[in-house]
């Protein structure tokens, strides 16, 4: 009996590169969150990041994805600035 599942479609080079960008951003955000001193804040931020990425997982429109990557990078920089200020 044949499976009713369709084979996964291969990503275009552009989609593959975007996916790598998103995964890199996600890892950078989680790495920055690990530096948050408060365990409760750290847990909150980890849950927030996970949910944001999960919620936008199905986005396919190129402009939307680019905009979300830009917003994510701005939020990462803000977090890094806040952590740097807290340490000084």
Protein backbone atom coordinates (compact mmCIF):
# COMPACT_ATOMS: atom_id res chain seq x y z
CA UNK A 1 0.00 0.00 0.00
CA UNK A 2 1.43 3.35 -1.08
CA UNK A 3 1.87 6.13 1.45
CA UNK A 4 -0.48 9.07 1.06
CA UNK A 5 2.26 11.48 2.07
CA UNK A 6 3.82 13.65 -0.56
CA UNK A 7 7.60 13.82 -0.63
CA UNK A 8 8.93 17.02 0.92
CA UNK A 9 9.64 19.66 -1.68
CA UNK A 10 13.23 20.75 -2.01
CA UNK A 11 14.01 24.28 -0.92
CA UNK A 12 15.25 26.77 -3.47
CA UNK A 13 18.69 28.22 -2.79
CA UNK A 14 17.07 31.49 -1.66
CA UNK A 15 14.74 29.63 0.75
CA UNK A 16 17.65 27.59 2.07
CA UNK A 17 19.71 30.74 2.70
CA UNK A 18 16.76 32.47 4.45
CA UNK A 19 16.24 29.39 6.60
CA UNK A 20 19.91 29.46 7.62
CA UNK A 21 19.56 33.18 8.47
CA UNK A 22 16.52 32.47 10.66
CA UNK A 23 18.22 29.57 12.45
CA UNK A 24 21.34 31.66 13.07
CA UNK A 25 19.22 34.47 14.49
CA UNK A 26 17.38 32.01 16.75
CA UNK A 27 20.67 30.60 18.07
CA UNK A 28 22.07 34.11 18.67
CA UNK A 29 18.94 35.12 20.58
CA UNK A 30 19.07 32.00 22.77
CA UNK A 31 22.79 32.55 23.39
CA UNK A 32 22.12 36.15 24.49
CA UNK A 33 19.23 35.05 26.71
CA UNK A 34 21.59 32.67 28.54
CA UNK A 35 23.40 35.75 29.86
CA UNK A 36 20.28 37.10 31.61
CA UNK A 37 21.04 36.89 35.34
CA UNK A 38 17.52 36.23 36.61
CA UNK A 39 16.37 32.66 36.08
CA UNK A 40 12.72 33.72 35.90
CA UNK A 41 13.50 36.37 33.26
CA UNK A 42 15.65 33.90 31.34
CA UNK A 43 12.81 31.34 31.27
CA UNK A 44 10.29 34.01 30.21
CA UNK A 45 12.53 35.19 27.35
CA UNK A 46 13.29 31.63 26.19
CA UNK A 47 9.57 30.83 26.08
CA UNK A 48 8.87 34.10 24.28
CA UNK A 49 11.56 33.47 21.64
CA UNK A 50 10.45 29.88 21.09
CA UNK A 51 6.81 30.93 20.68
CA UNK A 52 7.64 33.79 18.30
CA UNK A 53 9.67 31.55 16.02
CA UNK A 54 7.08 28.76 16.20
CA UNK A 55 4.24 31.18 15.45
CA UNK A 56 5.97 32.48 12.33
CA UNK A 57 7.25 29.11 11.14
CA UNK A 58 4.77 28.87 8.28
CA UNK A 59 5.55 32.31 6.80
CA UNK A 60 6.43 32.00 3.13
CA UNK A 61 6.28 35.55 1.76
CA UNK A 62 9.83 36.78 1.13
CA UNK A 63 9.20 40.40 2.22
CA UNK A 64 7.48 39.27 5.43
CA UNK A 65 10.34 36.92 6.32
CA UNK A 66 12.92 39.64 5.62
CA UNK A 67 10.98 42.08 7.81
CA UNK A 68 10.75 39.53 10.66
CA UNK A 69 14.50 38.84 10.44
CA UNK A 70 15.18 42.59 10.62
CA UNK A 71 12.88 42.96 13.66
CA UNK A 72 14.50 39.94 15.32
CA UNK A 73 17.97 41.41 14.81
CA UNK A 74 16.83 44.74 16.29
CA UNK A 75 15.37 42.96 19.33
CA UNK A 76 18.61 40.96 19.71
CA UNK A 77 20.68 44.16 19.64
CA UNK A 78 18.37 45.74 22.22
CA UNK A 79 18.76 42.71 24.48
CA UNK A 80 22.55 42.80 24.07
CA UNK A 81 22.58 46.55 24.91
CA UNK A 82 20.44 45.97 27.98
CA UNK A 83 22.73 43.15 29.15
CA UNK A 84 25.84 45.30 28.57
CA UNK A 85 24.30 48.16 30.59
CA UNK A 86 23.36 45.78 33.41
CA UNK A 87 26.96 44.57 33.63
CA UNK A 88 28.49 48.06 33.76
